Amino acid sequence: MESWQHRITTNPRQCGGRPCIRGMRIRVADVLQLFAAGLSAEQILARCPTLKPPTCKPPCNTPGRQLTPRG
């Protein structure tokens, strides 16, 4: 099974270099914020239909603070 790290990409020319899901313009921080706001994986998938169910799991052990650049 693929780990979550393989589904996160960074590109300095995309979304200001912030981590995104598989090279899409869906930032990891945005998905984490949706979970933090109380949305379920199903609700997030409805808002972001390009995401796939294995990608959209609650980030129980994801280091969210490391995914948003400081500055």
PDB file of N, CA and C in Angstrom:
ATOM      1  N   MET A   1       0.838  -1.188   0.000  1.00  0.00           N
ATOM      2  CA  MET A   1       0.000   0.000   0.000  1.00  0.00           C
ATOM      3  C   MET A   1       0.878   1.245   0.000  1.00  0.00           C
ATOM      4  N   GLU A   2       0.462   2.226  -0.746  1.00  0.00           N
ATOM      5  CA  GLU A   2       1.210   3.471  -0.868  1.00  0.00           C
ATOM      6  C   GLU A   2       1.060   4.312   0.402  1.00  0.00           C
ATOM      7  N   SER A   3       2.160   4.889   0.862  1.00  0.00           N
ATOM      8  CA  SER A   3       2.095   5.729   2.057  1.00  0.00           C
ATOM      9  C   SER A   3       1.617   7.129   1.682  1.00  0.00           C
ATOM     10  N   TRP A   4       1.171   7.885   2.673  1.00  0.00           N
ATOM     11  CA  TRP A   4       0.657   9.222   2.398  1.00  0.00           C
ATOM     12  C   TRP A   4       1.734  10.156   1.852  1.00  0.00           C
ATOM     13  N   GLN A   5       3.003   9.890   2.199  1.00  0.00           N
ATOM     14  CA  GLN A   5       4.074  10.755   1.717  1.00  0.00           C
ATOM     15  C   GLN A   5       4.195  10.717   0.189  1.00  0.00           C
ATOM     16  N   HIS A   6       3.846   9.612  -0.435  1.00  0.00           N
ATOM     17  CA  HIS A   6       3.936   9.514  -1.891  1.00  0.00           C
ATOM     18  C   HIS A   6       2.811  10.251  -2.597  1.00  0.00           C
ATOM     19  N   ARG A   7       1.792  10.634  -1.861  1.00  0.00           N
ATOM     20  CA  ARG A   7       0.674  11.361  -2.467  1.00  0.00           C
ATOM     21  C   ARG A   7       0.815  12.865  -2.305  1.00  0.00           C
ATOM     22  N   ILE A   8       1.886  13.315  -1.668  1.00  0.00           N
ATOM     23  CA  ILE A   8       2.115  14.741  -1.455  1.00  0.00           C
ATOM     24  C   ILE A   8       3.294  15.183  -2.308  1.00  0.00           C
ATOM     25  N   THR A   9       3.086  16.241  -3.079  1.00  0.00           N
ATOM     26  CA  THR A   9       4.156  16.764  -3.928  1.00  0.00           C
ATOM     27  C   THR A   9       4.337  18.252  -3.661  1.00  0.00           C
ATOM     28  N   THR A  10       5.515  18.741  -3.975  1.00  0.00           N
ATOM     29  CA  THR A  10       5.777  20.180  -3.908  1.00  0.00           C
ATOM     30  C   THR A  10       6.399  20.619  -5.212  1.00  0.00           C
ATOM     31  N   ASN A  11       6.030  21.811  -5.628  1.00  0.00           N
ATOM     32  CA  ASN A  11       6.557  22.398  -6.854  1.00  0.00           C
ATOM     33  C   ASN A  11       6.610  23.905  -6.613  1.00  0.00           C
ATOM     34  N   PRO A  12       7.776  24.508  -6.724  1.00  0.00           N
ATOM     35  CA  PRO A  12       7.886  25.941  -6.434  1.00  0.00           C
ATOM     36  C   PRO A  12       7.015  26.807  -7.351  1.00  0.00           C
ATOM     37  N   ARG A  13       6.593  26.280  -8.501  1.00  0.00           N
ATOM     38  CA  ARG A  13       5.752  27.041  -9.431  1.00  0.00           C
ATOM     39  C   ARG A  13       4.259  26.753  -9.251  1.00  0.00           C
ATOM     40  N   GLN A  14       3.916  25.999  -8.234  1.00  0.00           N
ATOM     41  CA  GLN A  14       2.523  25.635  -8.007  1.00  0.00           C
ATOM     42  C   GLN A  14       2.138  25.956  -6.571  1.00  0.00           C
ATOM     43  N   CYS A  15       1.126  26.736  -6.402  1.00  0.00           N
ATOM     44  CA  CYS A  15       0.612  27.104  -5.063  1.00  0.00           C
ATOM     45  C   CYS A  15       1.709  27.646  -4.152  1.00  0.00           C
ATOM     46  N   GLY A  16       2.611  28.408  -4.702  1.00  0.00           N
ATOM     47  CA  GLY A  16       3.668  29.016  -3.903  1.00  0.00           C
ATOM     48  C   GLY A  16       4.618  28.024  -3.267  1.00  0.00           C
ATOM     49  N   GLY A  17       4.714  26.827  -3.843  1.00  0.00           N
ATOM     50  CA  GLY A  17       5.610  25.814  -3.308  1.00  0.00           C
ATOM     51  C   GLY A  17       5.046  25.043  -2.124  1.00  0.00           C
ATOM     52  N   ARG A  18       3.801  25.311  -1.779  1.00  0.00           N
ATOM     53  CA  ARG A  18       3.186  24.591  -0.647  1.00  0.00           C
ATOM     54  C   ARG A  18       2.868  23.155  -1.056  1.00  0.00           C
ATOM     55  N   PRO A  19       2.900  22.221  -0.115  1.00  0.00           N
ATOM     56  CA  PRO A  19       2.595  20.821  -0.425  1.00  0.00           C
ATOM     57  C   PRO A  19       1.174  20.663  -0.968  1.00  0.00           C
ATOM     58  N   CYS A  20       1.055  19.891  -2.049  1.00  0.00           N
ATOM     59  CA  CYS A  20      -0.228  19.648  -2.692  1.00  0.00           C
ATOM     60  C   CYS A  20      -0.450  18.147  -2.832  1.00  0.00           C
ATOM     61  N   ILE A  21      -1.700  17.786  -3.060  1.00  0.00           N
ATOM     62  CA  ILE A  21      -2.050  16.386  -3.266  1.00  0.00           C
ATOM     63  C   ILE A  21      -1.680  15.999  -4.690  1.00  0.00           C
ATOM     64  N   ARG A  22      -0.784  15.045  -4.849  1.00  0.00           N
ATOM     65  CA  ARG A  22      -0.383  14.458  -6.126  1.00  0.00           C
ATOM     66  C   ARG A  22      -0.196  15.467  -7.253  1.00  0.00           C
ATOM     67  N   GLY A  23       0.378  16.588  -6.977  1.00  0.00           N
ATOM     68  CA  GLY A  23       0.655  17.569  -8.011  1.00  0.00           C
ATOM     69  C   GLY A  23      -0.540  18.398  -8.427  1.00  0.00           C
ATOM     70  N   MET A  24      -1.702  18.154  -7.836  1.00  0.00           N
ATOM     71  CA  MET A  24      -2.877  18.968  -8.136  1.00  0.00           C
ATOM     72  C   MET A  24      -2.750  20.292  -7.405  1.00  0.00           C
ATOM     73  N   ARG A  25      -3.647  21.176  -7.682  1.00  0.00           N
ATOM     74  CA  ARG A  25      -3.661  22.458  -6.985  1.00  0.00           C
ATOM     75  C   ARG A  25      -4.588  22.412  -5.772  1.00  0.00           C
ATOM     76  N   ILE A  26      -4.594  21.264  -5.113  1.00  0.00           N
ATOM     77  CA  ILE A  26      -5.323  21.106  -3.859  1.00  0.00           C
ATOM     78  C   ILE A  26      -4.266  21.006  -2.769  1.00  0.00           C
ATOM     79  N   ARG A  27      -4.169  22.078  -1.971  1.00  0.00           N
ATOM     80  CA  ARG A  27      -3.126  22.110  -0.954  1.00  0.00           C
ATOM     81  C   ARG A  27      -3.457  21.177   0.201  1.00  0.00           C
ATOM     82  N   VAL A  28      -2.435  20.536   0.719  1.00  0.00           N
ATOM     83  CA  VAL A  28      -2.588  19.640   1.863  1.00  0.00           C
ATOM     84  C   VAL A  28      -3.152  20.412   3.052  1.00  0.00           C
ATOM     85  N   ALA A  29      -2.674  21.618   3.265  1.00  0.00           N
ATOM     86  CA  ALA A  29      -3.149  22.430   4.387  1.00  0.00           C
ATOM     87  C   ALA A  29      -4.647  22.682   4.277  1.00  0.00           C
ATOM     88  N   ASP A  30      -5.162  22.856   3.056  1.00  0.00           N
ATOM     89  CA  ASP A  30      -6.599  23.086   2.876  1.00  0.00           C
ATOM     90  C   ASP A  30      -7.403  21.845   3.265  1.00  0.00           C
ATOM     91  N   VAL A  31      -6.917  20.668   2.880  1.00  0.00           N
ATOM     92  CA  VAL A  31      -7.608  19.431   3.242  1.00  0.00           C
ATOM     93  C   VAL A  31      -7.580  19.242   4.759  1.00  0.00           C
ATOM     94  N   LEU A  32      -6.446  19.525   5.379  1.00  0.00           N
ATOM     95  CA  LEU A  32      -6.343  19.413   6.843  1.00  0.00           C
ATOM     96  C   LEU A  32      -7.303  20.379   7.539  1.00  0.00           C
ATOM     97  N   GLN A  33      -7.446  21.579   6.983  1.00  0.00           N
ATOM     98  CA  GLN A  33      -8.360  22.555   7.576  1.00  0.00           C
ATOM     99  C   GLN A  33      -9.809  22.093   7.465  1.00  0.00           C
ATOM    100  N   LEU A  34     -10.157  21.434   6.363  1.00  0.00           N
ATOM    101  CA  LEU A  34     -11.511  20.912   6.214  1.00  0.00           C
ATOM    102  C   LEU A  34     -11.792  19.833   7.259  1.00  0.00           C
ATOM    103  N   PHE A  35     -10.815  18.949   7.497  1.00  0.00           N
ATOM    104  CA  PHE A  35     -10.981  17.950   8.551  1.00  0.00           C
ATOM    105  C   PHE A  35     -11.101  18.635   9.911  1.00  0.00           C
ATOM    106  N   ALA A  36     -10.270  19.634  10.156  1.00  0.00           N
ATOM    107  CA  ALA A  36     -10.304  20.343  11.436  1.00  0.00           C
ATOM    108  C   ALA A  36     -11.632  21.059  11.646  1.00  0.00           C
ATOM    109  N   ALA A  37     -12.272  21.473  10.548  1.00  0.00           N
ATOM    110  CA  ALA A  37     -13.570  22.147  10.637  1.00  0.00           C
ATOM    111  C   ALA A  37     -14.710  21.166  10.878  1.00  0.00           C
ATOM    112  N   GLY A  38     -14.383  19.863  10.880  1.00  0.00           N
ATOM    113  CA  GLY A  38     -15.397  18.868  11.189  1.00  0.00           C
ATOM    114  C   GLY A  38     -16.002  18.157   9.995  1.00  0.00           C
ATOM    115  N   LEU A  39     -15.507  18.429   8.785  1.00  0.00           N
ATOM    116  CA  LEU A  39     -16.038  17.741   7.620  1.00  0.00           C
ATOM    117  C   LEU A  39     -15.557  16.299   7.595  1.00  0.00           C
ATOM    118  N   SER A  40     -16.395  15.427   7.089  1.00  0.00           N
ATOM    119  CA  SER A  40     -16.021  14.022   6.944  1.00  0.00           C
ATOM    120  C   SER A  40     -15.274  13.847   5.627  1.00  0.00           C
ATOM    121  N   ALA A  41     -14.639  12.696   5.464  1.00  0.00           N
ATOM    122  CA  ALA A  41     -13.940  12.406   4.215  1.00  0.00           C
ATOM    123  C   ALA A  41     -14.917  12.466   3.042  1.00  0.00           C
ATOM    124  N   GLU A  42     -16.132  11.973   3.236  1.00  0.00           N
ATOM    125  CA  GLU A  42     -17.136  11.987   2.175  1.00  0.00           C
ATOM    126  C   GLU A  42     -17.500  13.417   1.771  1.00  0.00           C
ATOM    127  N   GLN A  43     -17.611  14.312   2.741  1.00  0.00           N
ATOM    128  CA  GLN A  43     -17.926  15.706   2.444  1.00  0.00           C
ATOM    129  C   GLN A  43     -16.779  16.382   1.698  1.00  0.00           C
ATOM    130  N   ILE A  44     -15.558  16.070   2.091  1.00  0.00           N
ATOM    131  CA  ILE A  44     -14.396  16.647   1.408  1.00  0.00           C
ATOM    132  C   ILE A  44     -14.311  16.125  -0.016  1.00  0.00           C
ATOM    133  N   LEU A  45     -14.555  14.836  -0.218  1.00  0.00           N
ATOM    134  CA  LEU A  45     -14.545  14.270  -1.559  1.00  0.00           C
ATOM    135  C   LEU A  45     -15.623  14.901  -2.435  1.00  0.00           C
ATOM    136  N   ALA A  46     -16.762  15.249  -1.859  1.00  0.00           N
ATOM    137  CA  ALA A  46     -17.814  15.918  -2.623  1.00  0.00           C
ATOM    138  C   ALA A  46     -17.385  17.320  -3.047  1.00  0.00           C
ATOM    139  N   ARG A  47     -16.623  18.008  -2.188  1.00  0.00           N
ATOM    140  CA  ARG A  47     -16.133  19.353  -2.522  1.00  0.00           C
ATOM    141  C   ARG A  47     -14.963  19.319  -3.496  1.00  0.00           C
ATOM    142  N   CYS A  48     -14.176  18.275  -3.422  1.00  0.00           N
ATOM    143  CA  CYS A  48     -12.968  18.140  -4.246  1.00  0.00           C
ATOM    144  C   CYS A  48     -13.049  16.814  -5.006  1.00  0.00           C
ATOM    145  N   PRO A  49     -13.844  16.737  -6.068  1.00  0.00           N
ATOM    146  CA  PRO A  49     -14.067  15.458  -6.742  1.00  0.00           C
ATOM    147  C   PRO A  49     -12.823  14.858  -7.391  1.00  0.00           C
ATOM    148  N   THR A  50     -11.767  15.624  -7.566  1.00  0.00           N
ATOM    149  CA  THR A  50     -10.545  15.055  -8.137  1.00  0.00           C
ATOM    150  C   THR A  50      -9.762  14.227  -7.121  1.00  0.00           C
ATOM    151  N   LEU A  51     -10.082  14.384  -5.832  1.00  0.00           N
ATOM    152  CA  LEU A  51      -9.455  13.547  -4.808  1.00  0.00           C
ATOM    153  C   LEU A  51     -10.052  12.151  -4.864  1.00  0.00           C
ATOM    154  N   LYS A  52      -9.284  11.182  -4.467  1.00  0.00           N
ATOM    155  CA  LYS A  52      -9.735   9.800  -4.427  1.00  0.00           C
ATOM    156  C   LYS A  52      -9.814   9.365  -2.962  1.00  0.00           C
ATOM    157  N   PRO A  53     -10.696   8.410  -2.632  1.00  0.00           N
ATOM    158  CA  PRO A  53     -10.875   8.007  -1.230  1.00  0.00           C
ATOM    159  C   PRO A  53      -9.596   7.654  -0.463  1.00  0.00           C
ATOM    160  N   PRO A  54      -8.633   6.925  -1.027  1.00  0.00           N
ATOM    161  CA  PRO A  54      -7.443   6.637  -0.207  1.00  0.00           C
ATOM    162  C   PRO A  54      -6.661   7.895   0.163  1.00  0.00           C
ATOM    163  N   THR A  55      -6.756   8.935  -0.665  1.00  0.00           N
ATOM    164  CA  THR A  55      -6.032  10.171  -0.400  1.00  0.00           C
ATOM    165  C   THR A  55      -6.690  10.957   0.718  1.00  0.00           C
ATOM    166  N   CYS A  56      -7.976  10.826   0.821  1.00  0.00           N
ATOM    167  CA  CYS A  56      -8.751  11.661   1.730  1.00  0.00           C
ATOM    168  C   CYS A  56      -9.120  10.883   2.980  1.00  0.00           C
ATOM    169  N   LYS A  57      -8.128  10.675   3.841  1.00  0.00           N
ATOM    170  CA  LYS A  57      -8.357  10.020   5.120  1.00  0.00           C
ATOM    171  C   LYS A  57      -8.047  11.019   6.223  1.00  0.00           C
ATOM    172  N   PRO A  58      -8.719  10.924   7.355  1.00  0.00           N
ATOM    173  CA  PRO A  58      -8.386  11.840   8.440  1.00  0.00           C
ATOM    174  C   PRO A  58      -6.909  11.722   8.810  1.00  0.00           C
ATOM    175  N   PRO A  59      -6.223  12.841   8.896  1.00  0.00           N
ATOM    176  CA  PRO A  59      -4.779  12.846   9.137  1.00  0.00           C
ATOM    177  C   PRO A  59      -4.433  12.705  10.609  1.00  0.00           C
ATOM    178  N   CYS A  60      -4.699  11.559  11.182  1.00  0.00           N
ATOM    179  CA  CYS A  60      -4.486  11.367  12.616  1.00  0.00           C
ATOM    180  C   CYS A  60      -3.049  11.651  13.045  1.00  0.00           C
ATOM    181  N   ASN A  61      -2.087  11.228  12.245  1.00  0.00           N
ATOM    182  CA  ASN A  61      -0.682  11.398  12.623  1.00  0.00           C
ATOM    183  C   ASN A  61       0.074  12.312  11.665  1.00  0.00           C
ATOM    184  N   THR A  62      -0.641  13.088  10.868  1.00  0.00           N
ATOM    185  CA  THR A  62       0.016  13.966   9.909  1.00  0.00           C
ATOM    186  C   THR A  62       0.516  15.220  10.622  1.00  0.00           C
ATOM    187  N   PRO A  63       1.770  15.556  10.426  1.00  0.00           N
ATOM    188  CA  PRO A  63       2.326  16.754  11.075  1.00  0.00           C
ATOM    189  C   PRO A  63       1.855  18.023  10.389  1.00  0.00           C
ATOM    190  N   GLY A  64       0.627  18.461  10.668  1.00  0.00           N
ATOM    191  CA  GLY A  64       0.021  19.593   9.993  1.00  0.00           C
ATOM    192  C   GLY A  64       0.804  20.877  10.106  1.00  0.00           C
ATOM    193  N   ARG A  65       1.428  21.088  11.249  1.00  0.00           N
ATOM    194  CA  ARG A  65       2.172  22.346  11.415  1.00  0.00           C
ATOM    195  C   ARG A  65       3.350  22.420  10.458  1.00  0.00           C
ATOM    196  N   GLN A  66       3.865  21.289  10.015  1.00  0.00           N
ATOM    197  CA  GLN A  66       5.000  21.303   9.086  1.00  0.00           C
ATOM    198  C   GLN A  66       4.551  21.539   7.657  1.00  0.00           C
ATOM    199  N   LEU A  67       3.258  21.478   7.367  1.00  0.00           N
ATOM    200  CA  LEU A  67       2.760  21.595   6.017  1.00  0.00           C
ATOM    201  C   LEU A  67       2.432  23.028   5.634  1.00  0.00           C
ATOM    202  N   THR A  68       2.426  23.939   6.581  1.00  0.00           N
ATOM    203  CA  THR A  68       2.152  25.337   6.299  1.00  0.00           C
ATOM    204  C   THR A  68       3.402  26.157   6.568  1.00  0.00           C
ATOM    205  N   PRO A  69       3.945  26.802   5.525  1.00  0.00           N
ATOM    206  CA  PRO A  69       5.169  27.569   5.729  1.00  0.00           C
ATOM    207  C   PRO A  69       4.953  28.736   6.673  1.00  0.00           C
ATOM    208  N   ARG A  70       5.948  29.015   7.430  1.00  0.00           N
ATOM    209  CA  ARG A  70       5.911  30.171   8.335  1.00  0.00           C
ATOM    210  C   ARG A  70       6.428  31.391   7.599  1.00  0.00           C
ATOM    211  N   GLY A  71       5.924  32.521   7.979  1.00  0.00           N
ATOM    212  CA  GLY A  71       6.478  33.691   7.348  1.00  0.00           C
ATOM    213  C   GLY A  71       5.581  34.798   7.429  1.00  0.00           C
TER     214      GLY A  71
END
